[in-house]
Amino acid sequence: MGDFWAFRKMITPVIIEILFWVGVIICVIVGIILIVMGIKQTGNQTLLPGVLLVIFGPLAVRLYCEVLIVFFRINETLTEIKHLLEVRGTDSKERL
């Protein structure tokens, strides 16, 4: 719990995962609405964009969220490296 209050443990990756699912749901719902509008109204050009949104919308949301997650993974990895170097430093001082 101390890591949480000292901002050493990040909660943003969990929030990003939630935003991913919200984004996917929004893309699918809006895509389906566009498809239905395109089917009901002949001459309306919303059918193709609706299909593309349903297919590529979740993919675009996933890519965006992965880019955000990469920054937090880099931070976690650097924190682990720092911790390992601190442990090695105390081990080498004990040997002297």
PDB file of N, CA and C in Angstrom:
ATOM      1  N   MET A   1       0.816  -1.193   0.000  1.00  0.00           N
ATOM      2  CA  MET A   1       0.000   0.000   0.000  1.00  0.00           C
ATOM      3  C   MET A   1       0.861   1.258   0.000  1.00  0.00           C
ATOM      4  N   GLY A   2       2.047   1.161   0.593  1.00  0.00           N
ATOM      5  CA  GLY A   2       2.959   2.297   0.618  1.00  0.00           C
ATOM      6  C   GLY A   2       3.432   2.682  -0.774  1.00  0.00           C
ATOM      7  N   ASP A   3       3.628   1.667  -1.660  1.00  0.00           N
ATOM      8  CA  ASP A   3       4.027   1.953  -3.037  1.00  0.00           C
ATOM      9  C   ASP A   3       2.949   2.746  -3.763  1.00  0.00           C
ATOM     10  N   PHE A   4       1.695   2.446  -3.457  1.00  0.00           N
ATOM     11  CA  PHE A   4       0.587   3.153  -4.100  1.00  0.00           C
ATOM     12  C   PHE A   4       0.609   4.631  -3.730  1.00  0.00           C
ATOM     13  N   TRP A   5       0.763   4.922  -2.442  1.00  0.00           N
ATOM     14  CA  TRP A   5       0.741   6.312  -1.994  1.00  0.00           C
ATOM     15  C   TRP A   5       2.014   7.058  -2.372  1.00  0.00           C
ATOM     16  N   ALA A   6       3.098   6.349  -2.611  1.00  0.00           N
ATOM     17  CA  ALA A   6       4.348   6.990  -3.022  1.00  0.00           C
ATOM     18  C   ALA A   6       4.468   7.065  -4.550  1.00  0.00           C
ATOM     19  N   PHE A   7       3.416   6.668  -5.243  1.00  0.00           N
ATOM     20  CA  PHE A   7       3.369   6.691  -6.712  1.00  0.00           C
ATOM     21  C   PHE A   7       4.425   5.809  -7.357  1.00  0.00           C
ATOM     22  N   ARG A   8       4.817   4.723  -6.674  1.00  0.00           N
ATOM     23  CA  ARG A   8       5.717   3.754  -7.282  1.00  0.00           C
ATOM     24  C   ARG A   8       4.935   2.669  -8.008  1.00  0.00           C
ATOM     25  N   LYS A   9       3.674   2.488  -7.644  1.00  0.00           N
ATOM     26  CA  LYS A   9       2.799   1.530  -8.342  1.00  0.00           C
ATOM     27  C   LYS A   9       1.802   2.334  -9.153  1.00  0.00           C
ATOM     28  N   MET A  10       1.750   2.030 -10.437  1.00  0.00           N
ATOM     29  CA  MET A  10       0.898   2.787 -11.349  1.00  0.00           C
ATOM     30  C   MET A  10      -0.473   2.120 -11.477  1.00  0.00           C
ATOM     31  N   ILE A  11      -1.522   2.921 -11.452  1.00  0.00           N
ATOM     32  CA  ILE A  11      -2.863   2.394 -11.680  1.00  0.00           C
ATOM     33  C   ILE A  11      -3.353   2.728 -13.085  1.00  0.00           C
ATOM     34  N   THR A  12      -2.631   3.582 -13.784  1.00  0.00           N
ATOM     35  CA  THR A  12      -3.048   3.996 -15.108  1.00  0.00           C
ATOM     36  C   THR A  12      -3.138   2.843 -16.105  1.00  0.00           C
ATOM     37  N   PRO A  13      -2.257   1.825 -16.077  1.00  0.00           N
ATOM     38  CA  PRO A  13      -2.443   0.713 -17.020  1.00  0.00           C
ATOM     39  C   PRO A  13      -3.806   0.027 -16.883  1.00  0.00           C
ATOM     40  N   VAL A  14      -4.323  -0.069 -15.679  1.00  0.00           N
ATOM     41  CA  VAL A  14      -5.649  -0.655 -15.490  1.00  0.00           C
ATOM     42  C   VAL A  14      -6.710   0.247 -16.103  1.00  0.00           C
ATOM     43  N   ILE A  15      -6.551   1.542 -15.912  1.00  0.00           N
ATOM     44  CA  ILE A  15      -7.503   2.495 -16.488  1.00  0.00           C
ATOM     45  C   ILE A  15      -7.444   2.445 -18.011  1.00  0.00           C
ATOM     46  N   ILE A  16      -6.254   2.298 -18.574  1.00  0.00           N
ATOM     47  CA  ILE A  16      -6.106   2.212 -20.030  1.00  0.00           C
ATOM     48  C   ILE A  16      -6.813   0.967 -20.560  1.00  0.00           C
ATOM     49  N   GLU A  17      -6.730  -0.146 -19.841  1.00  0.00           N
ATOM     50  CA  GLU A  17      -7.441  -1.358 -20.277  1.00  0.00           C
ATOM     51  C   GLU A  17      -8.947  -1.141 -20.256  1.00  0.00           C
ATOM     52  N   ILE A  18      -9.443  -0.453 -19.252  1.00  0.00           N
ATOM     53  CA  ILE A  18     -10.881  -0.159 -19.201  1.00  0.00           C
ATOM     54  C   ILE A  18     -11.272   0.751 -20.360  1.00  0.00           C
ATOM     55  N   LEU A  19     -10.458   1.771 -20.622  1.00  0.00           N
ATOM     56  CA  LEU A  19     -10.737   2.665 -21.748  1.00  0.00           C
ATOM     57  C   LEU A  19     -10.697   1.932 -23.086  1.00  0.00           C
ATOM     58  N   PHE A  20      -9.834   0.911 -23.186  1.00  0.00           N
ATOM     59  CA  PHE A  20      -9.797   0.103 -24.407  1.00  0.00           C
ATOM     60  C   PHE A  20     -11.145  -0.553 -24.656  1.00  0.00           C
ATOM     61  N   TRP A  21     -11.688  -1.202 -23.626  1.00  0.00           N
ATOM     62  CA  TRP A  21     -12.968  -1.890 -23.801  1.00  0.00           C
ATOM     63  C   TRP A  21     -14.100  -0.906 -24.060  1.00  0.00           C
ATOM     64  N   VAL A  22     -14.065   0.255 -23.425  1.00  0.00           N
ATOM     65  CA  VAL A  22     -15.078   1.275 -23.688  1.00  0.00           C
ATOM     66  C   VAL A  22     -14.970   1.746 -25.143  1.00  0.00           C
ATOM     67  N   GLY A  23     -13.743   1.956 -25.613  1.00  0.00           N
ATOM     68  CA  GLY A  23     -13.533   2.368 -27.001  1.00  0.00           C
ATOM     69  C   GLY A  23     -14.005   1.331 -27.996  1.00  0.00           C
ATOM     70  N   VAL A  24     -13.751   0.057 -27.700  1.00  0.00           N
ATOM     71  CA  VAL A  24     -14.206  -1.023 -28.592  1.00  0.00           C
ATOM     72  C   VAL A  24     -15.729  -1.036 -28.652  1.00  0.00           C
ATOM     73  N   ILE A  25     -16.368  -0.938 -27.499  1.00  0.00           N
ATOM     74  CA  ILE A  25     -17.835  -0.956 -27.465  1.00  0.00           C
ATOM     75  C   ILE A  25     -18.410   0.225 -28.239  1.00  0.00           C
ATOM     76  N   ILE A  26     -17.824   1.407 -28.064  1.00  0.00           N
ATOM     77  CA  ILE A  26     -18.297   2.588 -28.782  1.00  0.00           C
ATOM     78  C   ILE A  26     -18.122   2.415 -30.287  1.00  0.00           C
ATOM     79  N   CYS A  27     -16.971   1.906 -30.722  1.00  0.00           N
ATOM     80  CA  CYS A  27     -16.734   1.690 -32.153  1.00  0.00           C
ATOM     81  C   CYS A  27     -17.752   0.729 -32.745  1.00  0.00           C
ATOM     82  N   VAL A  28     -18.006  -0.357 -32.046  1.00  0.00           N
ATOM     83  CA  VAL A  28     -18.945  -1.356 -32.560  1.00  0.00           C
ATOM     84  C   VAL A  28     -20.364  -0.790 -32.603  1.00  0.00           C
ATOM     85  N   ILE A  29     -20.780  -0.100 -31.543  1.00  0.00           N
ATOM     86  CA  ILE A  29     -22.143   0.450 -31.521  1.00  0.00           C
ATOM     87  C   ILE A  29     -22.332   1.500 -32.612  1.00  0.00           C
ATOM     88  N   VAL A  30     -21.379   2.433 -32.726  1.00  0.00           N
ATOM     89  CA  VAL A  30     -21.488   3.467 -33.755  1.00  0.00           C
ATOM     90  C   VAL A  30     -21.419   2.834 -35.145  1.00  0.00           C
ATOM     91  N   GLY A  31     -20.563   1.837 -35.328  1.00  0.00           N
ATOM     92  CA  GLY A  31     -20.475   1.147 -36.611  1.00  0.00           C
ATOM     93  C   GLY A  31     -21.784   0.458 -36.982  1.00  0.00           C
ATOM     94  N   ILE A  32     -22.404  -0.196 -36.012  1.00  0.00           N
ATOM     95  CA  ILE A  32     -23.678  -0.859 -36.274  1.00  0.00           C
ATOM     96  C   ILE A  32     -24.762   0.161 -36.595  1.00  0.00           C
ATOM     97  N   ILE A  33     -24.765   1.292 -35.897  1.00  0.00           N
ATOM     98  CA  ILE A  33     -25.744   2.350 -36.194  1.00  0.00           C
ATOM     99  C   ILE A  33     -25.551   2.854 -37.617  1.00  0.00           C
ATOM    100  N   LEU A  34     -24.302   3.059 -38.026  1.00  0.00           N
ATOM    101  CA  LEU A  34     -24.041   3.517 -39.399  1.00  0.00           C
ATOM    102  C   LEU A  34     -24.465   2.470 -40.426  1.00  0.00           C
ATOM    103  N   ILE A  35     -24.235   1.200 -40.124  1.00  0.00           N
ATOM    104  CA  ILE A  35     -24.643   0.132 -41.042  1.00  0.00           C
ATOM    105  C   ILE A  35     -26.158   0.113 -41.184  1.00  0.00           C
ATOM    106  N   VAL A  36     -26.869   0.191 -40.065  1.00  0.00           N
ATOM    107  CA  VAL A  36     -28.335   0.179 -40.104  1.00  0.00           C
ATOM    108  C   VAL A  36     -28.854   1.394 -40.861  1.00  0.00           C
ATOM    109  N   MET A  37     -28.253   2.569 -40.622  1.00  0.00           N
ATOM    110  CA  MET A  37     -28.662   3.759 -41.364  1.00  0.00           C
ATOM    111  C   MET A  37     -28.405   3.590 -42.859  1.00  0.00           C
ATOM    112  N   GLY A  38     -27.299   2.964 -43.211  1.00  0.00           N
ATOM    113  CA  GLY A  38     -26.983   2.741 -44.622  1.00  0.00           C
ATOM    114  C   GLY A  38     -27.933   1.758 -45.274  1.00  0.00           C
ATOM    115  N   ILE A  39     -28.409   0.771 -44.521  1.00  0.00           N
ATOM    116  CA  ILE A  39     -29.362  -0.200 -45.068  1.00  0.00           C
ATOM    117  C   ILE A  39     -30.731   0.430 -45.226  1.00  0.00           C
ATOM    118  N   LYS A  40     -31.162   1.229 -44.252  1.00  0.00           N
ATOM    119  CA  LYS A  40     -32.500   1.828 -44.291  1.00  0.00           C
ATOM    120  C   LYS A  40     -32.615   2.918 -45.339  1.00  0.00           C
ATOM    121  N   GLN A  41     -31.567   3.697 -45.516  1.00  0.00           N
ATOM    122  CA  GLN A  41     -31.628   4.831 -46.432  1.00  0.00           C
ATOM    123  C   GLN A  41     -30.805   4.525 -47.673  1.00  0.00           C
ATOM    124  N   THR A  42     -31.485   4.270 -48.766  1.00  0.00           N
ATOM    125  CA  THR A  42     -30.752   4.039 -50.008  1.00  0.00           C
ATOM    126  C   THR A  42     -30.150   5.362 -50.464  1.00  0.00           C
ATOM    127  N   GLY A  43     -28.976   5.298 -50.969  1.00  0.00           N
ATOM    128  CA  GLY A  43     -28.280   6.495 -51.401  1.00  0.00           C
ATOM    129  C   GLY A  43     -27.432   7.115 -50.308  1.00  0.00           C
ATOM    130  N   ASN A  44     -27.604   6.661 -49.072  1.00  0.00           N
ATOM    131  CA  ASN A  44     -26.781   7.178 -47.972  1.00  0.00           C
ATOM    132  C   ASN A  44     -25.447   6.434 -47.978  1.00  0.00           C
ATOM    133  N   GLN A  45     -24.396   7.148 -47.777  1.00  0.00           N
ATOM    134  CA  GLN A  45     -23.056   6.571 -47.859  1.00  0.00           C
ATOM    135  C   GLN A  45     -22.520   6.151 -46.495  1.00  0.00           C
ATOM    136  N   THR A  46     -23.361   5.640 -45.596  1.00  0.00           N
ATOM    137  CA  THR A  46     -22.898   5.281 -44.260  1.00  0.00           C
ATOM    138  C   THR A  46     -22.669   3.782 -44.093  1.00  0.00           C
ATOM    139  N   LEU A  47     -23.008   2.988 -45.085  1.00  0.00           N
ATOM    140  CA  LEU A  47     -22.846   1.534 -44.944  1.00  0.00           C
ATOM    141  C   LEU A  47     -21.365   1.153 -44.892  1.00  0.00           C
ATOM    142  N   LEU A  48     -20.590   1.593 -45.861  1.00  0.00           N
ATOM    143  CA  LEU A  48     -19.168   1.242 -45.899  1.00  0.00           C
ATOM    144  C   LEU A  48     -18.391   1.804 -44.704  1.00  0.00           C
ATOM    145  N   PRO A  49     -18.568   3.078 -44.351  1.00  0.00           N
ATOM    146  CA  PRO A  49     -17.867   3.563 -43.162  1.00  0.00           C
ATOM    147  C   PRO A  49     -18.269   2.802 -41.895  1.00  0.00           C
ATOM    148  N   GLY A  50     -19.513   2.379 -41.815  1.00  0.00           N
ATOM    149  CA  GLY A  50     -19.955   1.607 -40.653  1.00  0.00           C
ATOM    150  C   GLY A  50     -19.238   0.275 -40.558  1.00  0.00           C
ATOM    151  N   VAL A  51     -19.128  -0.411 -41.697  1.00  0.00           N
ATOM    152  CA  VAL A  51     -18.433  -1.700 -41.723  1.00  0.00           C
ATOM    153  C   VAL A  51     -16.952  -1.501 -41.385  1.00  0.00           C
ATOM    154  N   LEU A  52     -16.346  -0.468 -41.964  1.00  0.00           N
ATOM    155  CA  LEU A  52     -14.932  -0.199 -41.683  1.00  0.00           C
ATOM    156  C   LEU A  52     -14.711   0.155 -40.217  1.00  0.00           C
ATOM    157  N   LEU A  53     -15.661   0.887 -39.626  1.00  0.00           N
ATOM    158  CA  LEU A  53     -15.529   1.254 -38.220  1.00  0.00           C
ATOM    159  C   LEU A  53     -15.628   0.028 -37.320  1.00  0.00           C
ATOM    160  N   VAL A  54     -16.524  -0.891 -37.656  1.00  0.00           N
ATOM    161  CA  VAL A  54     -16.657  -2.108 -36.852  1.00  0.00           C
ATOM    162  C   VAL A  54     -15.396  -2.966 -36.955  1.00  0.00           C
ATOM    163  N   ILE A  55     -14.779  -2.994 -38.132  1.00  0.00           N
ATOM    164  CA  ILE A  55     -13.602  -3.838 -38.337  1.00  0.00           C
ATOM    165  C   ILE A  55     -12.326  -3.164 -37.820  1.00  0.00           C
ATOM    166  N   PHE A  56     -12.099  -1.918 -38.236  1.00  0.00           N
ATOM    167  CA  PHE A  56     -10.821  -1.273 -37.941  1.00  0.00           C
ATOM    168  C   PHE A  56     -10.843  -0.373 -36.703  1.00  0.00           C
ATOM    169  N   GLY A  57     -12.010  -0.016 -36.220  1.00  0.00           N
ATOM    170  CA  GLY A  57     -12.111   0.816 -35.025  1.00  0.00           C
ATOM    171  C   GLY A  57     -11.466   0.167 -33.810  1.00  0.00           C
ATOM    172  N   PRO A  58     -11.874  -1.082 -33.476  1.00  0.00           N
ATOM    173  CA  PRO A  58     -11.228  -1.737 -32.332  1.00  0.00           C
ATOM    174  C   PRO A  58      -9.719  -1.929 -32.518  1.00  0.00           C
ATOM    175  N   LEU A  59      -9.293  -2.158 -33.746  1.00  0.00           N
ATOM    176  CA  LEU A  59      -7.865  -2.304 -34.015  1.00  0.00           C
ATOM    177  C   LEU A  59      -7.124  -0.996 -33.726  1.00  0.00           C
ATOM    178  N   ALA A  60      -7.700   0.123 -34.169  1.00  0.00           N
ATOM    179  CA  ALA A  60      -7.072   1.425 -33.927  1.00  0.00           C
ATOM    180  C   ALA A  60      -7.041   1.748 -32.437  1.00  0.00           C
ATOM    181  N   VAL A  61      -8.123   1.432 -31.733  1.00  0.00           N
ATOM    182  CA  VAL A  61      -8.158   1.669 -30.286  1.00  0.00           C
ATOM    183  C   VAL A  61      -7.100   0.814 -29.599  1.00  0.00           C
ATOM    184  N   ARG A  62      -6.969  -0.440 -30.042  1.00  0.00           N
ATOM    185  CA  ARG A  62      -5.971  -1.348 -29.453  1.00  0.00           C
ATOM    186  C   ARG A  62      -4.556  -0.804 -29.649  1.00  0.00           C
ATOM    187  N   LEU A  63      -4.249  -0.365 -30.869  1.00  0.00           N
ATOM    188  CA  LEU A  63      -2.915   0.162 -31.144  1.00  0.00           C
ATOM    189  C   LEU A  63      -2.619   1.388 -30.290  1.00  0.00           C
ATOM    190  N   TYR A  64      -3.578   2.272 -30.163  1.00  0.00           N
ATOM    191  CA  TYR A  64      -3.393   3.474 -29.359  1.00  0.00           C
ATOM    192  C   TYR A  64      -3.140   3.109 -27.890  1.00  0.00           C
ATOM    193  N   CYS A  65      -3.936   2.200 -27.372  1.00  0.00           N
ATOM    194  CA  CYS A  65      -3.771   1.795 -25.969  1.00  0.00           C
ATOM    195  C   CYS A  65      -2.443   1.064 -25.756  1.00  0.00           C
ATOM    196  N   GLU A  66      -2.000   0.281 -26.729  1.00  0.00           N
ATOM    197  CA  GLU A  66      -0.713  -0.404 -26.595  1.00  0.00           C
ATOM    198  C   GLU A  66       0.435   0.588 -26.531  1.00  0.00           C
ATOM    199  N   VAL A  67       0.354   1.655 -27.314  1.00  0.00           N
ATOM    200  CA  VAL A  67       1.398   2.680 -27.267  1.00  0.00           C
ATOM    201  C   VAL A  67       1.448   3.312 -25.881  1.00  0.00           C
ATOM    202  N   LEU A  68       0.282   3.575 -25.307  1.00  0.00           N
ATOM    203  CA  LEU A  68       0.252   4.141 -23.962  1.00  0.00           C
ATOM    204  C   LEU A  68       0.809   3.170 -22.932  1.00  0.00           C
ATOM    205  N   ILE A  69       0.459   1.883 -23.058  1.00  0.00           N
ATOM    206  CA  ILE A  69       0.924   0.868 -22.115  1.00  0.00           C
ATOM    207  C   ILE A  69       2.447   0.710 -22.188  1.00  0.00           C
ATOM    208  N   VAL A  70       3.024   0.873 -23.378  1.00  0.00           N
ATOM    209  CA  VAL A  70       4.472   0.714 -23.544  1.00  0.00           C
ATOM    210  C   VAL A  70       5.229   1.658 -22.618  1.00  0.00           C
ATOM    211  N   PHE A  71       4.742   2.889 -22.471  1.00  0.00           N
ATOM    212  CA  PHE A  71       5.415   3.847 -21.588  1.00  0.00           C
ATOM    213  C   PHE A  71       5.437   3.340 -20.146  1.00  0.00           C
ATOM    214  N   PHE A  72       4.354   2.735 -19.718  1.00  0.00           N
ATOM    215  CA  PHE A  72       4.303   2.233 -18.342  1.00  0.00           C
ATOM    216  C   PHE A  72       5.144   0.972 -18.181  1.00  0.00           C
ATOM    217  N   ARG A  73       5.207   0.139 -19.212  1.00  0.00           N
ATOM    218  CA  ARG A  73       6.069  -1.044 -19.143  1.00  0.00           C
ATOM    219  C   ARG A  73       7.536  -0.627 -19.087  1.00  0.00           C
ATOM    220  N   ILE A  74       7.896   0.399 -19.828  1.00  0.00           N
ATOM    221  CA  ILE A  74       9.266   0.905 -19.776  1.00  0.00           C
ATOM    222  C   ILE A  74       9.578   1.377 -18.357  1.00  0.00           C
ATOM    223  N   ASN A  75       8.644   2.086 -17.751  1.00  0.00           N
ATOM    224  CA  ASN A  75       8.839   2.558 -16.379  1.00  0.00           C
ATOM    225  C   ASN A  75       9.003   1.387 -15.419  1.00  0.00           C
ATOM    226  N   GLU A  76       8.168   0.356 -15.548  1.00  0.00           N
ATOM    227  CA  GLU A  76       8.274  -0.807 -14.669  1.00  0.00           C
ATOM    228  C   GLU A  76       9.614  -1.512 -14.836  1.00  0.00           C
ATOM    229  N   THR A  77      10.054  -1.664 -16.080  1.00  0.00           N
ATOM    230  CA  THR A  77      11.326  -2.329 -16.344  1.00  0.00           C
ATOM    231  C   THR A  77      12.491  -1.532 -15.772  1.00  0.00           C
ATOM    232  N   LEU A  78      12.474  -0.227 -15.958  1.00  0.00           N
ATOM    233  CA  LEU A  78      13.540   0.604 -15.406  1.00  0.00           C
ATOM    234  C   LEU A  78      13.543   0.564 -13.879  1.00  0.00           C
ATOM    235  N   THR A  79      12.361   0.496 -13.274  1.00  0.00           N
ATOM    236  CA  THR A  79      12.284   0.383 -11.815  1.00  0.00           C
ATOM    237  C   THR A  79      12.884  -0.931 -11.345  1.00  0.00           C
ATOM    238  N   GLU A  80      12.597  -2.029 -12.072  1.00  0.00           N
ATOM    239  CA  GLU A  80      13.176  -3.331 -11.719  1.00  0.00           C
ATOM    240  C   GLU A  80      14.697  -3.308 -11.859  1.00  0.00           C
ATOM    241  N   ILE A  81      15.192  -2.692 -12.922  1.00  0.00           N
ATOM    242  CA  ILE A  81      16.638  -2.593 -13.131  1.00  0.00           C
ATOM    243  C   ILE A  81      17.279  -1.796 -11.997  1.00  0.00           C
ATOM    244  N   LYS A  82      16.643  -0.692 -11.621  1.00  0.00           N
ATOM    245  CA  LYS A  82      17.154   0.126 -10.520  1.00  0.00           C
ATOM    246  C   LYS A  82      17.211  -0.691  -9.232  1.00  0.00           C
ATOM    247  N   HIS A  83      16.159  -1.442  -8.971  1.00  0.00           N
ATOM    248  CA  HIS A  83      16.127  -2.265  -7.762  1.00  0.00           C
ATOM    249  C   HIS A  83      17.238  -3.316  -7.793  1.00  0.00           C
ATOM    250  N   LEU A  84      17.431  -3.978  -8.923  1.00  0.00           N
ATOM    251  CA  LEU A  84      18.486  -4.986  -9.033  1.00  0.00           C
ATOM    252  C   LEU A  84      19.868  -4.373  -8.844  1.00  0.00           C
ATOM    253  N   LEU A  85      20.071  -3.186  -9.395  1.00  0.00           N
ATOM    254  CA  LEU A  85      21.366  -2.522  -9.228  1.00  0.00           C
ATOM    255  C   LEU A  85      21.590  -2.119  -7.773  1.00  0.00           C
ATOM    256  N   GLU A  86      20.537  -1.715  -7.086  1.00  0.00           N
ATOM    257  CA  GLU A  86      20.672  -1.371  -5.671  1.00  0.00           C
ATOM    258  C   GLU A  86      21.026  -2.607  -4.851  1.00  0.00           C
ATOM    259  N   VAL A  87      20.395  -3.748  -5.183  1.00  0.00           N
ATOM    260  CA  VAL A  87      20.685  -4.992  -4.466  1.00  0.00           C
ATOM    261  C   VAL A  87      22.121  -5.425  -4.739  1.00  0.00           C
ATOM    262  N   ARG A  88      22.553  -5.340  -5.983  1.00  0.00           N
ATOM    263  CA  ARG A  88      23.938  -5.701  -6.318  1.00  0.00           C
ATOM    264  C   ARG A  88      24.930  -4.783  -5.634  1.00  0.00           C
ATOM    265  N   GLY A  89      24.565  -3.510  -5.525  1.00  0.00           N
ATOM    266  CA  GLY A  89      25.456  -2.549  -4.872  1.00  0.00           C
ATOM    267  C   GLY A  89      25.641  -2.872  -3.408  1.00  0.00           C
ATOM    268  N   THR A  90      24.579  -3.265  -2.729  1.00  0.00           N
ATOM    269  CA  THR A  90      24.723  -3.629  -1.305  1.00  0.00           C
ATOM    270  C   THR A  90      25.458  -4.940  -1.154  1.00  0.00           C
ATOM    271  N   ASP A  91      25.278  -5.875  -2.099  1.00  0.00           N
ATOM    272  CA  ASP A  91      26.001  -7.148  -2.044  1.00  0.00           C
ATOM    273  C   ASP A  91      27.503  -6.927  -2.204  1.00  0.00           C
ATOM    274  N   SER A  92      27.889  -6.064  -3.140  1.00  0.00           N
ATOM    275  CA  SER A  92      29.317  -5.831  -3.361  1.00  0.00           C
ATOM    276  C   SER A  92      29.926  -5.063  -2.200  1.00  0.00           C
ATOM    277  N   LYS A  93      29.170  -4.205  -1.534  1.00  0.00           N
ATOM    278  CA  LYS A  93      29.694  -3.495  -0.371  1.00  0.00           C
ATOM    279  C   LYS A  93      29.886  -4.434   0.810  1.00  0.00           C
ATOM    280  N   GLU A  94      29.029  -5.447   0.928  1.00  0.00           N
ATOM    281  CA  GLU A  94      29.155  -6.414   2.011  1.00  0.00           C
ATOM    282  C   GLU A  94      30.397  -7.289   1.830  1.00  0.00           C
ATOM    283  N   ARG A  95      30.785  -7.541   0.594  1.00  0.00           N
ATOM    284  CA  ARG A  95      31.957  -8.369   0.324  1.00  0.00           C
ATOM    285  C   ARG A  95      33.240  -7.663   0.718  1.00  0.00           C
ATOM    286  N   LEU A  96      33.225  -6.328   0.638  1.00  0.00           N
ATOM    287  CA  LEU A  96      34.449  -5.558   0.967  1.00  0.00           C
ATOM    288  C   LEU A  96      34.574  -5.510   2.430  1.00  0.00           C
TER     289      LEU A  96
END
